[in-house]
All heavy atoms as atom14 arrays in JSON, in Angstrom:
{
  "sequence": "TRVQEFVLLGLSTWPDIRDLLFAIFLTLYLLT",
  "atom14_mask": [
    [1, 1, 1, 1, 1, 1, 1, 0, 0, 0, 0, 0, 0, 0],
    [1, 1, 1, 1, 1, 1, 1, 1, 1, 1, 1, 0, 0, 0],
    [1, 1, 1, 1, 1, 1, 1, 0, 0, 0, 0, 0, 0, 0],
    [1, 1, 1, 1, 1, 1, 1, 1, 1, 0, 0, 0, 0, 0],
    [1, 1, 1, 1, 1, 1, 1, 1, 1, 0, 0, 0, 0, 0],
    [1, 1, 1, 1, 1, 1, 1, 1, 1, 1, 1, 0, 0, 0],
    [1, 1, 1, 1, 1, 1, 1, 0, 0, 0, 0, 0, 0, 0],
    [1, 1, 1, 1, 1, 1, 1, 1, 0, 0, 0, 0, 0, 0],
    [1, 1, 1, 1, 1, 1, 1, 1, 0, 0, 0, 0, 0, 0],
    [1, 1, 1, 1, 0, 0, 0, 0, 0, 0, 0, 0, 0, 0],
    [1, 1, 1, 1, 1, 1, 1, 1, 0, 0, 0, 0, 0, 0],
    [1, 1, 1, 1, 1, 1, 0, 0, 0, 0, 0, 0, 0, 0],
    [1, 1, 1, 1, 1, 1, 1, 0, 0, 0, 0, 0, 0, 0],
    [1, 1, 1, 1, 1, 1, 1, 1, 1, 1, 1, 1, 1, 1],
    [1, 1, 1, 1, 1, 1, 1, 0, 0, 0, 0, 0, 0, 0],
    [1, 1, 1, 1, 1, 1, 1, 1, 0, 0, 0, 0, 0, 0],
    [1, 1, 1, 1, 1, 1, 1, 1, 0, 0, 0, 0, 0, 0],
    [1, 1, 1, 1, 1, 1, 1, 1, 1, 1, 1, 0, 0, 0],
    [1, 1, 1, 1, 1, 1, 1, 1, 0, 0, 0, 0, 0, 0],
    [1, 1, 1, 1, 1, 1, 1, 1, 0, 0, 0, 0, 0, 0],
    [1, 1, 1, 1, 1, 1, 1, 1, 0, 0, 0, 0, 0, 0],
    [1, 1, 1, 1, 1, 1, 1, 1, 1, 1, 1, 0, 0, 0],
    [1, 1, 1, 1, 1, 0, 0, 0, 0, 0, 0, 0, 0, 0],
    [1, 1, 1, 1, 1, 1, 1, 1, 0, 0, 0, 0, 0, 0],
    [1, 1, 1, 1, 1, 1, 1, 1, 1, 1, 1, 0, 0, 0],
    [1, 1, 1, 1, 1, 1, 1, 1, 0, 0, 0, 0, 0, 0],
    [1, 1, 1, 1, 1, 1, 1, 0, 0, 0, 0, 0, 0, 0],
    [1, 1, 1, 1, 1, 1, 1, 1, 0, 0, 0, 0, 0, 0],
    [1, 1, 1, 1, 1, 1, 1, 1, 1, 1, 1, 1, 0, 0],
    [1, 1, 1, 1, 1, 1, 1, 1, 0, 0, 0, 0, 0, 0],
    [1, 1, 1, 1, 1, 1, 1, 1, 0, 0, 0, 0, 0, 0],
    [1, 1, 1, 1, 1, 1, 1, 0, 0, 0, 0, 0, 0, 0]
  ],
  "atom14_positions": [
    [[-18.99, 19.55, 1.75], [-18.57, 19.42, 0.39], [-18.67, 17.98, -0.04], [-18.35, 17.08, 0.66], [-17.19, 19.94, 0.21], [-16.32, 19.24, 1.03], [-17.09, 21.47, 0.54], [0.0, 0.0, 0.0], [0.0, 0.0, 0.0], [0.0, 0.0, 0.0], [0.0, 0.0, 0.0], [0.0, 0.0, 0.0], [0.0, 0.0, 0.0], [0.0, 0.0, 0.0]],
    [[-19.14, 17.8, -1.26], [-19.28, 16.41, -1.77], [-17.86, 15.87, -2.09], [-17.17, 16.47, -2.92], [-20.13, 16.46, -3.07], [-20.26, 15.12, -3.75], [-21.05, 14.14, -3.0], [-21.32, 12.89, -3.71], [-21.97, 11.9, -3.23], [-22.51, 11.92, -2.02], [-22.21, 10.81, -3.97], [0.0, 0.0, 0.0], [0.0, 0.0, 0.0], [0.0, 0.0, 0.0]],
    [[-17.49, 14.79, -1.49], [-16.21, 14.18, -1.67], [-16.2, 13.52, -3.12], [-17.04, 12.69, -3.4], [-15.86, 13.16, -0.63], [-14.61, 12.4, -0.97], [-15.7, 13.83, 0.72], [0.0, 0.0, 0.0], [0.0, 0.0, 0.0], [0.0, 0.0, 0.0], [0.0, 0.0, 0.0], [0.0, 0.0, 0.0], [0.0, 0.0, 0.0], [0.0, 0.0, 0.0]],
    [[-15.19, 13.89, -3.99], [-15.06, 13.33, -5.31], [-14.13, 12.16, -5.27], [-14.17, 11.36, -6.26], [-14.61, 14.42, -6.25], [-15.53, 15.63, -6.35], [-16.94, 15.23, -6.89], [-17.03, 14.44, -7.8], [-17.99, 15.84, -6.31], [0.0, 0.0, 0.0], [0.0, 0.0, 0.0], [0.0, 0.0, 0.0], [0.0, 0.0, 0.0], [0.0, 0.0, 0.0]],
    [[-13.23, 12.12, -4.36], [-12.26, 11.0, -4.26], [-11.82, 10.84, -2.83], [-12.01, 11.62, -1.98], [-11.02, 11.26, -5.14], [-10.15, 12.36, -4.66], [-8.83, 12.44, -5.41], [-8.75, 11.82, -6.53], [-7.92, 13.17, -4.98], [0.0, 0.0, 0.0], [0.0, 0.0, 0.0], [0.0, 0.0, 0.0], [0.0, 0.0, 0.0], [0.0, 0.0, 0.0]],
    [[-11.32, 9.58, -2.61], [-10.73, 9.26, -1.32], [-9.21, 9.0, -1.45], [-8.74, 8.63, -2.48], [-11.38, 8.05, -0.69], [-12.81, 8.22, -0.35], [-13.86, 7.72, -1.18], [-13.2, 8.92, 0.78], [-15.16, 7.87, -0.88], [-14.59, 9.07, 1.07], [-15.52, 8.55, 0.31], [0.0, 0.0, 0.0], [0.0, 0.0, 0.0], [0.0, 0.0, 0.0]],
    [[-8.51, 9.37, -0.41], [-7.06, 9.11, -0.36], [-6.78, 7.99, 0.65], [-7.1, 8.03, 1.81], [-6.3, 10.39, 0.03], [-4.78, 10.03, 0.06], [-6.53, 11.54, -0.9], [0.0, 0.0, 0.0], [0.0, 0.0, 0.0], [0.0, 0.0, 0.0], [0.0, 0.0, 0.0], [0.0, 0.0, 0.0], [0.0, 0.0, 0.0], [0.0, 0.0, 0.0]],
    [[-6.3, 6.85, 0.12], [-5.99, 5.68, 0.96], [-4.57, 5.82, 1.48], [-3.57, 5.85, 0.68], [-6.16, 4.41, 0.13], [-7.52, 4.2, -0.5], [-7.54, 2.84, -1.24], [-8.57, 4.09, 0.59], [0.0, 0.0, 0.0], [0.0, 0.0, 0.0], [0.0, 0.0, 0.0], [0.0, 0.0, 0.0], [0.0, 0.0, 0.0], [0.0, 0.0, 0.0]],
    [[-4.42, 5.91, 2.79], [-3.05, 5.96, 3.38], [-2.38, 4.64, 3.22], [-1.13, 4.54, 3.15], [-3.14, 6.29, 4.85], [-3.63, 7.68, 5.19], [-3.58, 7.88, 6.69], [-2.75, 8.75, 4.52], [0.0, 0.0, 0.0], [0.0, 0.0, 0.0], [0.0, 0.0, 0.0], [0.0, 0.0, 0.0], [0.0, 0.0, 0.0], [0.0, 0.0, 0.0]],
    [[-3.12, 3.48, 3.17], [-2.47, 2.19, 3.0], [-1.52, 1.93, 4.16], [-1.76, 2.23, 5.33], [0.0, 0.0, 0.0], [0.0, 0.0, 0.0], [0.0, 0.0, 0.0], [0.0, 0.0, 0.0], [0.0, 0.0, 0.0], [0.0, 0.0, 0.0], [0.0, 0.0, 0.0], [0.0, 0.0, 0.0], [0.0, 0.0, 0.0], [0.0, 0.0, 0.0]],
    [[-0.38, 1.38, 3.75], [0.7, 1.12, 4.75], [1.82, 2.16, 4.68], [2.93, 1.94, 5.08], [1.28, -0.28, 4.47], [0.27, -1.44, 4.55], [0.97, -2.79, 4.35], [-0.5, -1.4, 5.86], [0.0, 0.0, 0.0], [0.0, 0.0, 0.0], [0.0, 0.0, 0.0], [0.0, 0.0, 0.0], [0.0, 0.0, 0.0], [0.0, 0.0, 0.0]],
    [[1.48, 3.32, 4.11], [2.44, 4.41, 3.99], [2.82, 4.99, 5.38], [3.77, 5.8, 5.42], [1.92, 5.5, 3.08], [0.77, 6.07, 3.64], [0.0, 0.0, 0.0], [0.0, 0.0, 0.0], [0.0, 0.0, 0.0], [0.0, 0.0, 0.0], [0.0, 0.0, 0.0], [0.0, 0.0, 0.0], [0.0, 0.0, 0.0], [0.0, 0.0, 0.0]],
    [[2.1, 4.65, 6.42], [2.46, 5.09, 7.73], [3.73, 4.42, 8.24], [4.25, 4.76, 9.32], [1.33, 4.85, 8.7], [0.86, 3.44, 8.63], [0.11, 5.75, 8.39], [0.0, 0.0, 0.0], [0.0, 0.0, 0.0], [0.0, 0.0, 0.0], [0.0, 0.0, 0.0], [0.0, 0.0, 0.0], [0.0, 0.0, 0.0], [0.0, 0.0, 0.0]],
    [[4.17, 3.41, 7.47], [5.43, 2.74, 7.81], [6.41, 3.05, 6.69], [6.8, 2.12, 5.98], [5.25, 1.31, 7.99], [4.21, 0.96, 9.06], [3.95, 1.66, 10.22], [3.3, -0.14, 9.08], [2.93, 1.06, 10.92], [2.5, -0.01, 10.25], [3.06, -1.23, 8.22], [1.52, -0.99, 10.6], [2.16, -2.14, 8.54], [1.33, -2.0, 9.71]],
    [[6.87, 4.29, 6.48], [7.69, 4.58, 5.28], [9.06, 3.93, 5.29], [9.65, 3.72, 4.19], [7.85, 6.11, 5.42], [7.7, 6.44, 6.88], [6.72, 5.45, 7.39], [0.0, 0.0, 0.0], [0.0, 0.0, 0.0], [0.0, 0.0, 0.0], [0.0, 0.0, 0.0], [0.0, 0.0, 0.0], [0.0, 0.0, 0.0], [0.0, 0.0, 0.0]],
    [[9.65, 3.59, 6.42], [10.96, 3.02, 6.48], [11.02, 1.59, 5.79], [12.11, 1.2, 5.33], [11.48, 2.89, 7.9], [11.63, 4.28, 8.58], [11.76, 5.27, 7.82], [11.61, 4.31, 9.76], [0.0, 0.0, 0.0], [0.0, 0.0, 0.0], [0.0, 0.0, 0.0], [0.0, 0.0, 0.0], [0.0, 0.0, 0.0], [0.0, 0.0, 0.0]],
    [[9.87, 0.94, 5.81], [9.95, -0.47, 5.21], [9.01, -0.55, 4.0], [8.57, -1.7, 3.63], [9.57, -1.45, 6.27], [8.21, -1.17, 6.92], [10.64, -1.57, 7.34], [7.72, -2.22, 7.88], [0.0, 0.0, 0.0], [0.0, 0.0, 0.0], [0.0, 0.0, 0.0], [0.0, 0.0, 0.0], [0.0, 0.0, 0.0], [0.0, 0.0, 0.0]],
    [[8.68, 0.57, 3.39], [7.74, 0.47, 2.28], [8.17, -0.29, 1.11], [7.47, -1.09, 0.56], [7.46, 1.96, 1.82], [5.98, 2.39, 1.9], [5.81, 3.8, 1.49], [6.28, 4.05, 0.19], [6.49, 5.27, -0.28], [6.31, 6.3, 0.47], [6.83, 5.45, -1.54], [0.0, 0.0, 0.0], [0.0, 0.0, 0.0], [0.0, 0.0, 0.0]],
    [[9.47, -0.23, 0.73], [10.05, -0.96, -0.4], [10.0, -2.42, -0.1], [9.62, -3.23, -0.98], [11.41, -0.52, -0.77], [11.46, 0.93, -1.24], [10.42, 1.36, -1.79], [12.58, 1.55, -1.19], [0.0, 0.0, 0.0], [0.0, 0.0, 0.0], [0.0, 0.0, 0.0], [0.0, 0.0, 0.0], [0.0, 0.0, 0.0], [0.0, 0.0, 0.0]],
    [[10.35, -2.8, 1.1], [10.32, -4.18, 1.5], [8.92, -4.77, 1.53], [8.65, -5.86, 1.02], [10.96, -4.31, 2.88], [10.88, -5.76, 3.5], [11.67, -6.74, 2.65], [11.42, -5.75, 4.94], [0.0, 0.0, 0.0], [0.0, 0.0, 0.0], [0.0, 0.0, 0.0], [0.0, 0.0, 0.0], [0.0, 0.0, 0.0], [0.0, 0.0, 0.0]],
    [[7.95, -3.94, 1.97], [6.62, -4.42, 1.99], [6.01, -4.56, 0.6], [5.29, -5.46, 0.33], [5.73, -3.4, 2.77], [5.87, -3.38, 4.34], [5.07, -2.3, 4.91], [5.53, -4.73, 4.93], [0.0, 0.0, 0.0], [0.0, 0.0, 0.0], [0.0, 0.0, 0.0], [0.0, 0.0, 0.0], [0.0, 0.0, 0.0], [0.0, 0.0, 0.0]],
    [[6.41, -3.65, -0.3], [5.99, -3.78, -1.69], [6.45, -5.07, -2.27], [5.61, -5.8, -2.93], [6.51, -2.59, -2.51], [6.11, -2.65, -4.0], [4.88, -2.18, -4.39], [6.99, -3.15, -4.92], [4.51, -2.26, -5.67], [6.65, -3.21, -6.26], [5.35, -2.78, -6.65], [0.0, 0.0, 0.0], [0.0, 0.0, 0.0], [0.0, 0.0, 0.0]],
    [[7.74, -5.38, -2.1], [8.24, -6.66, -2.67], [7.53, -7.85, -2.06], [7.19, -8.8, -2.79], [9.76, -6.7, -2.4], [0.0, 0.0, 0.0], [0.0, 0.0, 0.0], [0.0, 0.0, 0.0], [0.0, 0.0, 0.0], [0.0, 0.0, 0.0], [0.0, 0.0, 0.0], [0.0, 0.0, 0.0], [0.0, 0.0, 0.0], [0.0, 0.0, 0.0]],
    [[7.31, -7.8, -0.78], [6.62, -8.96, -0.1], [5.17, -9.16, -0.62], [4.78, -10.3, -1.01], [6.63, -8.73, 1.42], [8.03, -8.87, 2.02], [5.68, -9.78, 2.13], [8.16, -8.54, 3.49], [0.0, 0.0, 0.0], [0.0, 0.0, 0.0], [0.0, 0.0, 0.0], [0.0, 0.0, 0.0], [0.0, 0.0, 0.0], [0.0, 0.0, 0.0]],
    [[4.42, -8.04, -0.65], [3.03, -8.18, -1.07], [2.9, -8.39, -2.6], [1.93, -9.08, -2.95], [2.27, -6.89, -0.64], [1.96, -6.83, 0.82], [2.5, -5.88, 1.59], [1.15, -7.79, 1.43], [2.21, -5.79, 2.98], [0.88, -7.79, 2.75], [1.42, -6.72, 3.57], [0.0, 0.0, 0.0], [0.0, 0.0, 0.0], [0.0, 0.0, 0.0]],
    [[3.78, -7.95, -3.38], [3.76, -8.29, -4.8], [4.01, -9.8, -4.96], [3.31, -10.42, -5.81], [4.76, -7.46, -5.61], [4.87, -7.78, -7.08], [3.56, -7.45, -7.72], [5.98, -6.95, -7.71], [0.0, 0.0, 0.0], [0.0, 0.0, 0.0], [0.0, 0.0, 0.0], [0.0, 0.0, 0.0], [0.0, 0.0, 0.0], [0.0, 0.0, 0.0]],
    [[4.97, -10.38, -4.21], [5.22, -11.72, -4.25], [4.03, -12.57, -3.84], [3.61, -13.59, -4.48], [6.44, -12.1, -3.49], [7.6, -11.4, -3.9], [6.8, -13.59, -3.54], [0.0, 0.0, 0.0], [0.0, 0.0, 0.0], [0.0, 0.0, 0.0], [0.0, 0.0, 0.0], [0.0, 0.0, 0.0], [0.0, 0.0, 0.0], [0.0, 0.0, 0.0]],
    [[3.45, -12.12, -2.71], [2.19, -12.86, -2.19], [1.08, -12.76, -3.22], [0.31, -13.76, -3.43], [1.81, -12.25, -0.88], [2.78, -12.46, 0.3], [2.22, -11.78, 1.5], [2.99, -13.91, 0.58], [0.0, 0.0, 0.0], [0.0, 0.0, 0.0], [0.0, 0.0, 0.0], [0.0, 0.0, 0.0], [0.0, 0.0, 0.0], [0.0, 0.0, 0.0]],
    [[0.91, -11.61, -3.79], [-0.11, -11.37, -4.82], [0.02, -12.32, -5.99], [-0.91, -13.06, -6.39], [-0.08, -9.92, -5.26], [-1.07, -9.58, -6.32], [-2.43, -9.57, -6.13], [-0.58, -9.13, -7.64], [-3.33, -9.21, -7.12], [-1.48, -8.74, -8.63], [-2.85, -8.79, -8.34], [-3.73, -8.45, -9.36], [0.0, 0.0, 0.0], [0.0, 0.0, 0.0]],
    [[1.16, -12.39, -6.55], [1.44, -13.27, -7.72], [1.31, -14.74, -7.35], [0.77, -15.57, -8.12], [2.76, -12.96, -8.34], [2.96, -11.53, -8.91], [4.36, -11.36, -9.41], [1.92, -11.3, -10.04], [0.0, 0.0, 0.0], [0.0, 0.0, 0.0], [0.0, 0.0, 0.0], [0.0, 0.0, 0.0], [0.0, 0.0, 0.0], [0.0, 0.0, 0.0]],
    [[1.82, -15.07, -6.17], [1.79, -16.46, -5.71], [0.33, -16.9, -5.44], [-0.04, -18.07, -5.79], [2.59, -16.63, -4.44], [2.81, -18.01, -3.88], [3.47, -18.93, -4.9], [3.63, -18.0, -2.57], [0.0, 0.0, 0.0], [0.0, 0.0, 0.0], [0.0, 0.0, 0.0], [0.0, 0.0, 0.0], [0.0, 0.0, 0.0], [0.0, 0.0, 0.0]],
    [[-0.45, -16.05, -4.89], [-1.85, -16.38, -4.63], [-2.66, -16.6, -5.9], [-3.4, -17.55, -6.05], [-2.55, -15.23, -3.79], [-1.86, -15.04, -2.59], [-3.95, -15.54, -3.53], [0.0, 0.0, 0.0], [0.0, 0.0, 0.0], [0.0, 0.0, 0.0], [0.0, 0.0, 0.0], [0.0, 0.0, 0.0], [0.0, 0.0, 0.0], [0.0, 0.0, 0.0]]
  ]
}
């Protein structure tokens, strides 16, 4: 079957620290 979209797991394999990672990477993103 022709794939119409992909699902990116990202860092969701670490659910316990997802909120912390979001805050860290958002800060790094804006700082960069």
